[in-house]
């Protein structure tokens, strides 16, 4: 599954959830972006392909 630069640009900074808590996608230039909790210590690295699959299903990320 290929992820375009345009898709990456669209997802960076978007509000998503990480384990049910509000989070954002960061790291457009990284090979593996991070999902970071807005108010908490949560920070998980995903592949862009995983981000694409999860964003297509609503943007609900899980750390485990």
C-alpha atoms as a PDB file:
ATOM      1  CA  UNK A   1       0.000   0.000   0.000  1.00  0.00           C
ATOM      2  CA  UNK A   2       1.526   3.284  -1.125  1.00  0.00           C
ATOM      3  CA  UNK A   3       0.975   6.486   0.843  1.00  0.00           C
ATOM      4  CA  UNK A   4       1.274   9.706  -1.146  1.00  0.00           C
ATOM      5  CA  UNK A   5       2.899  12.888   0.109  1.00  0.00           C
ATOM      6  CA  UNK A   6      -0.490  14.600  -0.268  1.00  0.00           C
ATOM      7  CA  UNK A   7      -2.080  12.046   2.071  1.00  0.00           C
ATOM      8  CA  UNK A   8       0.688  12.612   4.613  1.00  0.00           C
ATOM      9  CA  UNK A   9       0.191  16.385   4.411  1.00  0.00           C
ATOM     10  CA  UNK A  10      -3.553  15.976   4.936  1.00  0.00           C
ATOM     11  CA  UNK A  11      -3.121  13.778   8.010  1.00  0.00           C
ATOM     12  CA  UNK A  12      -0.426  15.766   9.830  1.00  0.00           C
ATOM     13  CA  UNK A  13      -1.939  17.620  12.755  1.00  0.00           C
ATOM     14  CA  UNK A  14      -5.325  15.960  12.419  1.00  0.00           C
ATOM     15  CA  UNK A  15      -7.211  15.097  15.558  1.00  0.00           C
ATOM     16  CA  UNK A  16      -7.414  11.343  16.110  1.00  0.00           C
ATOM     17  CA  UNK A  17      -7.640   9.132  19.177  1.00  0.00           C
ATOM     18  CA  UNK A  18      -4.953   7.054  20.847  1.00  0.00           C
ATOM     19  CA  UNK A  19      -6.397   4.487  23.242  1.00  0.00           C
ATOM     20  CA  UNK A  20      -9.567   6.596  23.382  1.00  0.00           C
ATOM     21  CA  UNK A  21      -7.754   9.869  24.206  1.00  0.00           C
ATOM     22  CA  UNK A  22      -7.434  12.875  21.902  1.00  0.00           C
ATOM     23  CA  UNK A  23      -4.200  12.843  19.920  1.00  0.00           C
ATOM     24  CA  UNK A  24      -2.518  14.223  16.805  1.00  0.00           C
ATOM     25  CA  UNK A  25      -0.446  12.755  14.002  1.00  0.00           C
ATOM     26  CA  UNK A  26       3.055  14.294  13.790  1.00  0.00           C
ATOM     27  CA  UNK A  27       6.215  13.674  11.780  1.00  0.00           C
ATOM     28  CA  UNK A  28       5.383  14.238   8.096  1.00  0.00           C
ATOM     29  CA  UNK A  29       9.033  13.882   7.073  1.00  0.00           C
ATOM     30  CA  UNK A  30       9.672  10.829   9.241  1.00  0.00           C
ATOM     31  CA  UNK A  31       9.587   7.312   7.830  1.00  0.00           C
ATOM     32  CA  UNK A  32       7.415   6.353  10.816  1.00  0.00           C
ATOM     33  CA  UNK A  33       5.127   9.120  12.120  1.00  0.00           C
ATOM     34  CA  UNK A  34       4.024   9.394  15.738  1.00  0.00           C
ATOM     35  CA  UNK A  35       0.583   9.559  17.272  1.00  0.00           C
ATOM     36  CA  UNK A  36       0.904  11.815  20.319  1.00  0.00           C
ATOM     37  CA  UNK A  37      -1.699  12.381  23.027  1.00  0.00           C
ATOM     38  CA  UNK A  38      -2.701  16.028  23.337  1.00  0.00           C
ATOM     39  CA  UNK A  39      -2.908  15.926  27.131  1.00  0.00           C
ATOM     40  CA  UNK A  40      -0.869  13.010  28.275  1.00  0.00           C
ATOM     41  CA  UNK A  41       2.327  11.054  27.840  1.00  0.00           C
ATOM     42  CA  UNK A  42       1.083   8.733  25.073  1.00  0.00           C
ATOM     43  CA  UNK A  43       3.380   8.611  22.050  1.00  0.00           C
ATOM     44  CA  UNK A  44       3.303   5.677  19.624  1.00  0.00           C
ATOM     45  CA  UNK A  45       5.139   5.213  16.327  1.00  0.00           C
ATOM     46  CA  UNK A  46       3.299   3.701  13.332  1.00  0.00           C
ATOM     47  CA  UNK A  47       4.205   3.034   9.714  1.00  0.00           C
ATOM     48  CA  UNK A  48       2.560   5.290   7.140  1.00  0.00           C
ATOM     49  CA  UNK A  49       0.762   2.237   5.771  1.00  0.00           C
ATOM     50  CA  UNK A  50      -0.761   1.551   9.202  1.00  0.00           C
ATOM     51  CA  UNK A  51      -1.753   5.223   9.522  1.00  0.00           C
ATOM     52  CA  UNK A  52      -3.509   5.004   6.152  1.00  0.00           C
ATOM     53  CA  UNK A  53      -5.455   1.876   7.138  1.00  0.00           C
ATOM     54  CA  UNK A  54      -6.477   3.357  10.482  1.00  0.00           C
ATOM     55  CA  UNK A  55      -7.422   6.746   9.024  1.00  0.00           C
ATOM     56  CA  UNK A  56      -9.622   5.022   6.449  1.00  0.00           C
ATOM     57  CA  UNK A  57     -11.488   3.425   9.369  1.00  0.00           C
ATOM     58  CA  UNK A  58     -12.003   6.570  11.441  1.00  0.00           C
ATOM     59  CA  UNK A  59      -8.636   7.424  13.009  1.00  0.00           C
ATOM     60  CA  UNK A  60      -8.877   5.424  16.238  1.00  0.00           C
ATOM     61  CA  UNK A  61      -5.316   4.305  17.059  1.00  0.00           C
ATOM     62  CA  UNK A  62      -4.427   1.742  19.728  1.00  0.00           C
ATOM     63  CA  UNK A  63      -1.048   1.379  21.371  1.00  0.00           C
ATOM     64  CA  UNK A  64      -1.424  -2.370  21.912  1.00  0.00           C
END
